[in-house]
Amino acid sequence: MVDGNAEYSAKVGTKGFQENQTEAAADVFSASLNGADLVLDAGGRRLLEARRLVAVTSASAAQESEFCAADDSTCGKTDSSLVATTAAPATTAAPADKTTKKPADITVTTQKPTPAVVKSVLKGSLTLTVPNASAFLADTVAKDAVKAGIASFIGVDASEVTLIVSTVGSRRLTAHGNSDVKIDYTVTATAAKITSAKATMTAATDLTALSKAVSTKVVAAKGASYAVVVKAKTDVTVTTATTAAPAKTDDGQVAASAAAPQQVFATLMTMLSMTALVRW
């Protein structure tokens, strides 16, 4: 009883409805119940006689939504007792391509500052005798082979070595017969590698082993007829270089899954309040 009138209510589940569809369904129910004939109920009983109802004086529809955790499989479902008897009006059915979907989990990667990497730089020069200095300057294969030979001799990766090649002597001499080229090499690596490389290069007062290491790589790349000889070398110098370290994530990658994003099931519990006059 509300204000002396009998009030009846019913809940209708609308799982899968969009917000605008939920509102439309509520409006339809409210409009349909206003002025409804209560003479007969669904079972054929006469409400007028059994319950002494005269007429529906007002009808309203309220809406409520249920919030569910992403991992709660029992939440947000329409009551089975409502499914069989309460279907959404045909005019407010959800389009097939607009079904409410569970929000995707969000992965957030956090980064922590990493210290700069400190590396050492070794520099030195070699004088090489090559078959043709002018041709050598333009021969990428031969120059890469020399780089690989230097790297293997001092124990570093070829990728850690860079070369600057220039001719020695007059242009006429470099273009005819064996001639010399100057190899300025730079090695950038860890301090431990550079310390070892410096010791190796400094100890090579007899250039035989160094020349063999370089020649082996060149012959493998260019053939046995392409002879090169290390004729001289300079003392090496070592400096320090600081480079920025690649950014790393905290413990590899910190995946902060959006903790159970709340799903809003439009389980509209449409409250249909029918106020009827009761004759006692």
Protein backbone atom coordinates (compact mmCIF):
# COMPACT_ATOMS: atom_id res chain seq x y z
CA MET A 1 0.00 0.00 0.00
CA VAL A 2 1.33 3.45 -0.90
CA ASP A 3 -0.75 6.48 0.08
CA GLY A 4 -3.82 4.28 0.40
CA ASN A 5 -3.38 2.71 -3.03
CA ALA A 6 -2.25 -0.78 -3.94
CA GLU A 7 1.11 -0.80 -5.73
CA TYR A 8 2.45 -3.66 -7.78
CA SER A 9 5.97 -3.90 -9.22
CA ALA A 10 7.91 -6.21 -11.51
CA LYS A 11 11.56 -6.46 -12.51
CA VAL A 12 12.57 -7.04 -16.11
CA GLY A 13 16.17 -7.94 -16.92
CA THR A 14 17.67 -6.33 -20.01
CA LYS A 15 21.16 -7.82 -20.22
CA GLY A 16 22.89 -6.91 -23.48
CA PHE A 17 20.94 -3.68 -24.02
CA GLN A 18 22.68 -0.45 -24.87
CA GLU A 19 21.94 2.51 -22.59
CA ASN A 20 19.60 4.12 -25.10
CA GLN A 21 17.80 0.81 -25.62
CA THR A 22 17.35 0.40 -21.87
CA GLU A 23 15.77 3.84 -21.64
CA ALA A 24 13.54 3.13 -24.62
CA ALA A 25 12.36 -0.16 -23.06
CA ALA A 26 11.51 1.61 -19.81
CA ASP A 27 9.47 4.20 -21.71
CA VAL A 28 7.59 1.49 -23.59
CA PHE A 29 6.65 -0.35 -20.39
CA SER A 30 5.57 2.83 -18.68
CA ALA A 31 3.42 3.94 -21.60
CA SER A 32 1.87 0.49 -22.06
CA LEU A 33 0.79 0.22 -18.42
CA ASN A 34 -0.85 3.63 -18.21
CA GLY A 35 -4.59 3.01 -18.50
CA ALA A 36 -4.11 -0.77 -18.81
CA ASP A 37 -7.20 -2.99 -18.50
CA LEU A 38 -6.88 -5.07 -15.35
CA VAL A 39 -10.06 -7.03 -15.79
CA LEU A 40 -8.15 -10.22 -16.71
CA ASP A 41 -4.68 -11.31 -15.70
CA ALA A 42 -2.38 -13.62 -17.71
CA GLY A 43 -4.03 -16.70 -16.20
CA GLY A 44 -7.54 -15.62 -17.09
CA ARG A 45 -8.47 -14.68 -13.55
CA ARG A 46 -10.57 -11.63 -13.06
CA LEU A 47 -8.47 -9.14 -11.17
CA LEU A 48 -11.43 -6.85 -10.84
CA GLU A 49 -13.33 -9.51 -8.88
CA ALA A 50 -10.44 -11.26 -7.10
CA ARG A 51 -8.50 -8.20 -6.09
CA ARG A 52 -11.16 -5.54 -6.27
CA LEU A 53 -9.06 -3.44 -8.70
CA VAL A 54 -10.76 -0.61 -10.52
CA ALA A 55 -8.16 0.85 -12.89
CA VAL A 56 -4.48 1.69 -13.29
CA THR A 57 -4.08 5.27 -12.16
CA SER A 58 -0.36 5.67 -12.87
CA ALA A 59 2.65 3.71 -14.09
CA SER A 60 6.35 4.48 -13.88
CA ALA A 61 9.60 2.78 -14.83
CA ALA A 62 12.87 3.06 -12.94
CA GLN A 63 16.26 1.76 -13.98
CA GLU A 64 19.21 0.34 -12.09
CA SER A 65 22.52 -1.15 -13.25
CA GLU A 66 24.61 -3.88 -11.69
CA PHE A 67 28.41 -3.43 -11.57
CA CYS A 68 30.39 -6.65 -11.81
CA ALA A 69 34.08 -7.58 -11.49
CA ALA A 70 35.60 -8.93 -14.70
CA ASP A 71 36.20 -12.39 -13.17
CA ASP A 72 32.71 -12.78 -11.64
CA SER A 73 30.90 -15.18 -13.96
CA THR A 74 27.70 -15.17 -11.92
CA CYS A 75 27.20 -11.41 -11.85
CA GLY A 76 25.20 -9.46 -14.39
CA LYS A 77 22.96 -12.32 -15.50
CA THR A 78 19.25 -11.97 -15.99
CA ASP A 79 17.19 -13.91 -13.48
CA SER A 80 16.12 -17.15 -15.20
CA SER A 81 12.57 -16.64 -13.96
CA LEU A 82 12.38 -13.41 -15.91
CA VAL A 83 13.85 -14.66 -19.19
CA ALA A 84 10.89 -16.81 -20.20
CA THR A 85 8.24 -14.20 -19.59
CA THR A 86 9.87 -10.84 -20.32
CA ALA A 87 11.26 -10.24 -23.78
CA ALA A 88 12.42 -6.84 -24.94
CA PRO A 89 10.04 -5.07 -27.35
CA ALA A 90 10.89 -5.71 -30.98
CA THR A 91 11.48 -2.01 -31.60
CA THR A 92 14.27 -1.88 -29.00
CA ALA A 93 16.22 -5.05 -29.84
CA ALA A 94 19.98 -4.59 -29.79
CA PRO A 95 21.58 -4.65 -33.27
CA ALA A 96 23.78 -7.73 -33.82
CA ASP A 97 26.91 -5.64 -34.31
CA LYS A 98 26.43 -3.49 -31.21
CA THR A 99 26.37 -6.13 -28.46
CA THR A 100 27.83 -4.95 -25.18
CA LYS A 101 31.35 -6.34 -24.91
CA LYS A 102 33.70 -6.81 -22.00
CA PRO A 103 36.35 -4.08 -21.93
CA ALA A 104 39.79 -5.39 -22.87
CA ASP A 105 42.40 -5.63 -20.13
CA ILE A 106 44.83 -2.70 -20.14
CA THR A 107 48.54 -3.41 -19.92
CA VAL A 108 50.72 -0.62 -18.59
CA THR A 109 54.49 -0.78 -18.89
CA THR A 110 56.44 1.25 -16.37
CA GLN A 111 60.02 2.29 -16.90
CA LYS A 112 62.72 3.01 -14.39
CA PRO A 113 65.78 5.15 -15.08
CA THR A 114 68.90 3.18 -16.05
CA PRO A 115 72.43 4.46 -15.66
CA ALA A 116 74.38 5.48 -18.76
CA VAL A 117 76.77 2.88 -20.14
CA VAL A 118 80.43 3.85 -19.83
CA LYS A 119 82.65 2.42 -22.56
CA SER A 120 86.29 2.83 -23.45
CA VAL A 121 87.67 3.90 -26.81
CA LEU A 122 90.96 2.67 -28.26
CA LYS A 123 92.57 4.43 -31.24
CA GLY A 124 95.60 3.62 -33.33
CA SER A 125 96.96 3.49 -36.88
CA LEU A 126 98.43 0.86 -39.18
CA THR A 127 100.30 1.18 -42.45
CA LEU A 128 99.38 -1.57 -44.93
CA THR A 129 100.95 -2.52 -48.21
CA VAL A 130 98.19 -3.46 -50.68
CA PRO A 131 98.17 -4.41 -54.40
CA ASN A 132 96.66 -1.08 -55.46
CA ALA A 133 95.95 1.73 -53.00
CA SER A 134 93.49 3.60 -55.22
CA ALA A 135 91.47 0.44 -55.85
CA PHE A 136 91.63 -0.48 -52.16
CA LEU A 137 90.02 2.83 -51.15
CA ALA A 138 86.94 1.92 -53.16
CA ASP A 139 86.89 -1.79 -52.24
CA THR A 140 84.39 -2.28 -49.41
CA VAL A 141 85.00 -6.04 -49.24
CA ALA A 142 88.74 -5.59 -48.76
CA LYS A 143 88.29 -2.87 -46.14
CA ASP A 144 85.76 -4.96 -44.19
CA ALA A 145 88.20 -7.86 -44.26
CA VAL A 146 90.94 -5.65 -42.76
CA LYS A 147 88.51 -4.55 -40.06
CA ALA A 148 87.69 -8.19 -39.26
CA GLY A 149 91.42 -9.02 -39.12
CA ILE A 150 92.14 -6.23 -36.62
CA ALA A 151 89.12 -7.26 -34.51
CA SER A 152 90.15 -10.91 -34.37
CA PHE A 153 93.72 -10.00 -33.41
CA ILE A 154 92.78 -7.81 -30.43
CA GLY A 155 89.76 -9.90 -29.35
CA VAL A 156 86.76 -7.66 -30.07
CA ASP A 157 83.75 -7.84 -32.40
CA ALA A 158 84.12 -6.44 -35.90
CA SER A 159 81.05 -4.31 -35.23
CA GLU A 160 83.02 -2.52 -32.49
CA VAL A 161 85.71 -1.40 -34.96
CA THR A 162 85.54 1.52 -37.40
CA LEU A 163 88.18 2.45 -40.00
CA ILE A 164 89.30 5.58 -41.80
CA VAL A 165 91.45 4.74 -44.85
CA SER A 166 93.77 7.15 -46.65
CA THR A 167 96.62 6.82 -49.14
CA VAL A 168 100.31 7.21 -48.39
CA GLY A 169 102.62 8.70 -51.06
CA SER A 170 101.95 10.31 -54.44
CA ARG A 171 98.86 9.69 -56.56
CA ARG A 172 101.03 8.13 -59.33
CA LEU A 173 102.54 5.55 -56.97
CA THR A 174 99.20 4.57 -55.43
CA ALA A 175 97.71 3.81 -58.83
CA HIS A 176 100.47 1.44 -60.05
CA GLY A 177 101.76 -1.69 -58.34
CA ASN A 178 101.99 -2.35 -54.60
CA SER A 179 101.45 0.78 -52.54
CA ASP A 180 100.73 1.78 -48.97
CA VAL A 181 97.54 2.89 -47.24
CA LYS A 182 97.03 4.29 -43.76
CA ILE A 183 94.39 2.66 -41.58
CA ASP A 184 93.17 4.78 -38.66
CA TYR A 185 91.09 2.42 -36.50
CA THR A 186 88.80 3.14 -33.55
CA VAL A 187 87.53 0.46 -31.18
CA THR A 188 84.60 1.22 -28.83
CA ALA A 189 83.91 -1.52 -26.29
CA THR A 190 83.73 -2.29 -22.59
CA ALA A 191 86.63 -1.27 -20.39
CA ALA A 192 87.64 -4.91 -19.93
CA LYS A 193 87.81 -5.52 -23.70
CA ILE A 194 89.74 -2.32 -24.34
CA THR A 195 92.26 -3.09 -21.59
CA SER A 196 92.93 -6.49 -23.16
CA ALA A 197 93.05 -5.04 -26.71
CA LYS A 198 95.55 -2.38 -25.68
CA ALA A 199 97.80 -4.96 -24.07
CA THR A 200 97.67 -7.17 -27.17
CA MET A 201 98.40 -4.36 -29.62
CA THR A 202 101.17 -2.89 -27.46
CA ALA A 203 102.89 -6.26 -27.15
CA ALA A 204 102.88 -6.78 -30.94
CA THR A 205 106.32 -5.28 -31.51
CA ASP A 206 106.92 -7.98 -34.09
CA LEU A 207 104.20 -7.35 -36.67
CA THR A 208 104.17 -10.94 -37.97
CA ALA A 209 101.16 -12.15 -35.95
CA LEU A 210 99.18 -8.95 -36.60
CA SER A 211 99.97 -9.08 -40.32
CA LYS A 212 98.92 -12.75 -40.49
CA ALA A 213 95.60 -12.05 -38.74
CA VAL A 214 94.76 -9.29 -41.20
CA SER A 215 96.03 -11.18 -44.26
CA THR A 216 94.00 -14.29 -43.36
CA LYS A 217 90.73 -12.35 -43.37
CA VAL A 218 91.59 -10.50 -46.61
CA VAL A 219 92.58 -13.68 -48.47
CA ALA A 220 89.35 -15.36 -47.32
CA ALA A 221 87.36 -12.44 -48.74
CA LYS A 222 89.37 -11.54 -51.85
CA GLY A 223 91.34 -14.66 -52.78
CA ALA A 224 94.94 -15.86 -52.40
CA SER A 225 96.29 -13.42 -54.97
CA TYR A 226 95.23 -10.39 -52.91
CA ALA A 227 98.21 -9.96 -50.60
CA VAL A 228 98.33 -7.38 -47.81
CA VAL A 229 101.09 -6.83 -45.25
CA VAL A 230 101.09 -4.77 -42.06
CA LYS A 231 104.13 -2.57 -42.54
CA ALA A 232 103.97 -0.38 -39.43
CA LYS A 233 101.81 0.59 -36.46
CA THR A 234 101.53 3.46 -34.02
CA ASP A 235 101.04 3.40 -30.25
CA VAL A 236 97.45 3.17 -29.15
CA THR A 237 95.54 5.64 -26.97
CA VAL A 238 92.57 4.94 -24.70
CA THR A 239 89.79 7.33 -23.69
CA THR A 240 86.39 6.99 -22.04
CA ALA A 241 83.05 7.51 -23.76
CA THR A 242 79.60 7.67 -22.12
CA THR A 243 76.56 6.56 -24.05
CA ALA A 244 72.91 6.42 -23.05
CA ALA A 245 71.71 2.97 -22.09
CA PRO A 246 68.65 1.42 -23.74
CA ALA A 247 65.56 2.01 -21.66
CA LYS A 248 64.55 -0.99 -19.57
CA THR A 249 61.36 -1.76 -17.79
CA ASP A 250 61.11 -2.54 -14.12
CA ASP A 251 61.84 -6.28 -13.77
CA GLY A 252 61.64 -6.69 -17.53
CA GLN A 253 58.10 -5.51 -17.96
CA VAL A 254 55.65 -4.59 -15.27
CA ALA A 255 52.28 -5.49 -16.61
CA ALA A 256 49.76 -3.72 -14.46
CA SER A 257 46.56 -5.27 -15.67
CA ALA A 258 43.76 -2.89 -15.03
CA ALA A 259 42.52 -4.71 -11.97
CA ALA A 260 39.27 -6.29 -12.96
CA PRO A 261 37.79 -3.46 -14.96
CA GLN A 262 34.24 -3.17 -13.83
CA GLN A 263 31.74 -4.28 -16.41
CA VAL A 264 28.47 -2.49 -16.43
CA PHE A 265 25.84 -5.00 -17.44
CA ALA A 266 22.80 -3.08 -18.49
CA THR A 267 20.73 -5.39 -16.36
CA LEU A 268 18.04 -2.86 -16.14
CA MET A 269 15.65 -3.84 -13.42
CA THR A 270 12.73 -1.88 -14.72
CA MET A 271 10.45 -1.22 -11.83
CA LEU A 272 6.92 -1.04 -13.05
CA SER A 273 4.77 0.45 -10.32
CA MET A 274 1.09 0.15 -11.01
CA THR A 275 -1.07 2.07 -8.63
CA ALA A 276 -4.66 0.90 -8.68
CA LEU A 277 -7.78 2.01 -6.86
CA VAL A 278 -8.99 -0.61 -4.47
CA ARG A 279 -12.62 -0.94 -3.62
CA TRP A 280 -13.10 -2.37 -0.10
